[in-house]
């Protein structure tokens, strides 16, 4: 069973090296590319102000975040939820950079970028030359954006999960055959005749419809496709 975590952050700015911090974490769980409904979500007090231009993007203000926990307060629960699963992220380098900056402040090991599956990179391989923002890709795949008036880590993680499944074709889980079905499939591949039905199926054509079809075929002449089987039977 493959466990993956789709992950997103909201931050006070674009670069942790300029003192910017994470203010929201959102994660959703996939098992074998199917959402389980399990998630992790937290708003965080960044211990600094949120610039107005950033608030316009996600709507999170100093007043709203003032009583929220610090990253240090949620880090254990966050890392436990991640476990050792691969991380599916839209623009992975950005989020991993911020997470590692927060982990570094606490003396915690960093997360390797190689652990991330970047949906932008998948989209570039599958759809060269298009726009790769989350909004644009969701629109391309018909993913509903009506709830996204502003950015939000949990909402964006859910949208990224849907986009990821569209990109990898994972919305329809592979059908698993039961042992008996596998045996039957093997028998079919080896050319063994299928067992007849205990009760034959009732005919779906009425005698009148059958007569009408035969009259129609007769009008088409000997080259009609329906006559090929008869010719083959006559030669054998």
Foldseek 3Di string as FASTA:
>chain_A
DAKEKEWFWQKLDQACVVVIATFKIKIFMDDQLHTPPDIDIFGAQSVDFRDPVSCVFAVDGNVNHVPGHHCVVCVVVVCVVRPQHQYEYAVLVRVQNRVQVSCVVVVHDGDDSVSYDHLQVLCCVVPPPDDRDLVRLCVVVVNDCPVPPHDDTNVSSVSSSVSVCVSVVRPDRDDDDDPVRVVVVVCVVVPNDDDDDPDDDDDPDDPVRVVVVVVVVVVVPCPDPVNPVVVVVVVD
